[in-house]
């Protein structure tokens, strides 16, 4: 189970690195992971201070923490 969560966390990180800030539903759709693994992986990244989750009206937005984003080609 840890491996699946870690793999999903990596996929989430890549999606955010490639696309920038995303709504929670958009991120989940891009990652194509099922609950609860998606939720656990996102929580892992939040706990590690790798992502920022912010409330925007009735939804949530997710982005990489400022120090986490890598430019393409690095």
Foldseek 3Di string as FASTA:
>chain_A
DVVLLQVLLVLLLVCQLVPPKDWPVVSCVSSVDDPPSNVSSVVVCVVVQQKDWDDDVPTIMIHGDPVNHDDPPD
